[in-house]
Amino acid sequence: MSDDGRVVTANIPIDLASQLDAVADWLDRSKSWIVRQAVSAWLAEEQHRYELTLEALIDVDTGRTIAREDVLSPLQQARRHRA
């Protein structure tokens, strides 16, 4: 592990800690490595969601929207076909 990191402590449920232990053994990786991978993936996903939200807000502000009825109509037609 490099020395340029920072220690962060988290209190996690026992069952989650047990799963972390098991996966670390199975992958032959440290728990720190797994936590870094998980946090990195989660942060990237949250950033992506944030960017999508900003794009959606721009669409709303510029009037690029779809009426609720236009979205629901094909779904309702599909339900009638299945019945």
C-alpha atoms as a PDB file:
ATOM      1  CA  MET A   1       0.000   0.000   0.000  1.00  0.00           C
ATOM      2  CA  SER A   2       1.278   3.442  -0.832  1.00  0.00           C
ATOM      3  CA  ASP A   3       1.950   6.008   1.882  1.00  0.00           C
ATOM      4  CA  ASP A   4       0.025   8.772   0.118  1.00  0.00           C
ATOM      5  CA  GLY A   5      -3.339   7.515   1.361  1.00  0.00           C
ATOM      6  CA  ARG A   6      -5.413   8.396   4.363  1.00  0.00           C
ATOM      7  CA  VAL A   7      -7.004   6.064   6.885  1.00  0.00           C
ATOM      8  CA  VAL A   8     -10.781   6.270   7.078  1.00  0.00           C
ATOM      9  CA  THR A   9     -12.688   4.352   9.721  1.00  0.00           C
ATOM     10  CA  ALA A  10     -16.206   3.050   9.202  1.00  0.00           C
ATOM     11  CA  ASN A  11     -18.518   1.114  11.464  1.00  0.00           C
ATOM     12  CA  ILE A  12     -20.192  -1.587   9.363  1.00  0.00           C
ATOM     13  CA  PRO A  13     -22.625  -4.333  10.382  1.00  0.00           C
ATOM     14  CA  ILE A  14     -21.067  -7.628  11.472  1.00  0.00           C
ATOM     15  CA  ASP A  15     -22.589  -9.549   8.562  1.00  0.00           C
ATOM     16  CA  LEU A  16     -21.104  -7.076   6.072  1.00  0.00           C
ATOM     17  CA  ALA A  17     -17.707  -7.309   7.775  1.00  0.00           C
ATOM     18  CA  SER A  18     -17.917 -11.102   7.581  1.00  0.00           C
ATOM     19  CA  GLN A  19     -18.685 -10.911   3.871  1.00  0.00           C
ATOM     20  CA  LEU A  20     -15.736  -8.558   3.419  1.00  0.00           C
ATOM     21  CA  ASP A  21     -13.461 -11.021   5.234  1.00  0.00           C
ATOM     22  CA  ALA A  22     -14.696 -13.903   3.078  1.00  0.00           C
ATOM     23  CA  VAL A  23     -14.269 -12.034  -0.197  1.00  0.00           C
ATOM     24  CA  ALA A  24     -10.806 -10.827   0.806  1.00  0.00           C
ATOM     25  CA  ASP A  25      -9.788 -14.430   1.454  1.00  0.00           C
ATOM     26  CA  TRP A  26     -11.407 -15.668  -1.745  1.00  0.00           C
ATOM     27  CA  LEU A  27      -9.776 -12.983  -3.901  1.00  0.00           C
ATOM     28  CA  ASP A  28      -6.502 -13.100  -1.975  1.00  0.00           C
ATOM     29  CA  ARG A  29      -6.731  -9.310  -1.618  1.00  0.00           C
ATOM     30  CA  SER A  30      -6.639  -7.057   1.396  1.00  0.00           C
ATOM     31  CA  LYS A  31      -9.835  -5.693   2.867  1.00  0.00           C
ATOM     32  CA  SER A  32      -8.442  -2.216   2.199  1.00  0.00           C
ATOM     33  CA  TRP A  33      -8.114  -3.026  -1.494  1.00  0.00           C
ATOM     34  CA  ILE A  34     -11.721  -4.223  -1.664  1.00  0.00           C
ATOM     35  CA  VAL A  35     -13.016  -1.167   0.188  1.00  0.00           C
ATOM     36  CA  ARG A  36     -11.022   1.150  -2.117  1.00  0.00           C
ATOM     37  CA  GLN A  37     -12.494  -0.590  -5.164  1.00  0.00           C
ATOM     38  CA  ALA A  38     -16.032  -0.400  -3.772  1.00  0.00           C
ATOM     39  CA  VAL A  39     -15.798   3.243  -2.732  1.00  0.00           C
ATOM     40  CA  SER A  40     -14.227   4.205  -6.050  1.00  0.00           C
ATOM     41  CA  ALA A  41     -16.997   2.459  -8.015  1.00  0.00           C
ATOM     42  CA  TRP A  42     -19.715   3.996  -5.840  1.00  0.00           C
ATOM     43  CA  LEU A  43     -18.277   7.504  -6.193  1.00  0.00           C
ATOM     44  CA  ALA A  44     -18.053   7.119  -9.971  1.00  0.00           C
ATOM     45  CA  GLU A  45     -21.676   5.960 -10.121  1.00  0.00           C
ATOM     46  CA  GLU A  46     -22.829   8.859  -7.942  1.00  0.00           C
ATOM     47  CA  GLN A  47     -20.927  11.318 -10.165  1.00  0.00           C
ATOM     48  CA  HIS A  48     -22.609   9.797 -13.222  1.00  0.00           C
ATOM     49  CA  ARG A  49     -26.053  10.123 -11.610  1.00  0.00           C
ATOM     50  CA  TYR A  50     -25.308  13.740 -10.714  1.00  0.00           C
ATOM     51  CA  GLU A  51     -24.290  14.524 -14.301  1.00  0.00           C
ATOM     52  CA  LEU A  52     -27.443  12.844 -15.646  1.00  0.00           C
ATOM     53  CA  THR A  53     -29.527  14.909 -13.237  1.00  0.00           C
ATOM     54  CA  LEU A  54     -27.894  18.120 -14.444  1.00  0.00           C
ATOM     55  CA  GLU A  55     -28.561  17.111 -18.062  1.00  0.00           C
ATOM     56  CA  ALA A  56     -32.192  16.345 -17.219  1.00  0.00           C
ATOM     57  CA  LEU A  57     -32.624  19.713 -15.537  1.00  0.00           C
ATOM     58  CA  ILE A  58     -31.245  21.434 -18.632  1.00  0.00           C
ATOM     59  CA  ASP A  59     -33.746  19.484 -20.744  1.00  0.00           C
ATOM     60  CA  VAL A  60     -36.593  20.643 -18.509  1.00  0.00           C
ATOM     61  CA  ASP A  61     -35.375  24.240 -18.549  1.00  0.00           C
ATOM     62  CA  THR A  62     -35.202  24.226 -22.358  1.00  0.00           C
ATOM     63  CA  GLY A  63     -38.589  22.543 -22.761  1.00  0.00           C
ATOM     64  CA  ARG A  64     -37.292  19.212 -24.023  1.00  0.00           C
ATOM     65  CA  THR A  65     -39.794  17.078 -22.187  1.00  0.00           C
ATOM     66  CA  ILE A  66     -42.322  14.383 -23.030  1.00  0.00           C
ATOM     67  CA  ALA A  67     -45.906  14.605 -21.841  1.00  0.00           C
ATOM     68  CA  ARG A  68     -46.897  12.034 -19.228  1.00  0.00           C
ATOM     69  CA  GLU A  69     -49.695  10.765 -21.473  1.00  0.00           C
ATOM     70  CA  ASP A  70     -47.255  10.144 -24.323  1.00  0.00           C
ATOM     71  CA  VAL A  71     -45.157   7.972 -22.040  1.00  0.00           C
ATOM     72  CA  LEU A  72     -48.046   6.059 -20.496  1.00  0.00           C
ATOM     73  CA  SER A  73     -50.073   5.444 -23.652  1.00  0.00           C
ATOM     74  CA  PRO A  74     -47.775   2.789 -25.186  1.00  0.00           C
ATOM     75  CA  LEU A  75     -47.537   1.054 -21.811  1.00  0.00           C
ATOM     76  CA  GLN A  76     -51.302   0.952 -21.453  1.00  0.00           C
ATOM     77  CA  GLN A  77     -51.657  -0.390 -24.989  1.00  0.00           C
ATOM     78  CA  ALA A  78     -49.124  -3.122 -24.261  1.00  0.00           C
ATOM     79  CA  ARG A  79     -51.057  -4.126 -21.139  1.00  0.00           C
ATOM     80  CA  ARG A  80     -54.286  -4.387 -23.151  1.00  0.00           C
ATOM     81  CA  HIS A  81     -52.543  -6.597 -25.710  1.00  0.00           C
ATOM     82  CA  ARG A  82     -51.302  -8.951 -22.980  1.00  0.00           C
ATOM     83  CA  ALA A  83     -54.730  -9.276 -21.363  1.00  0.00           C
END
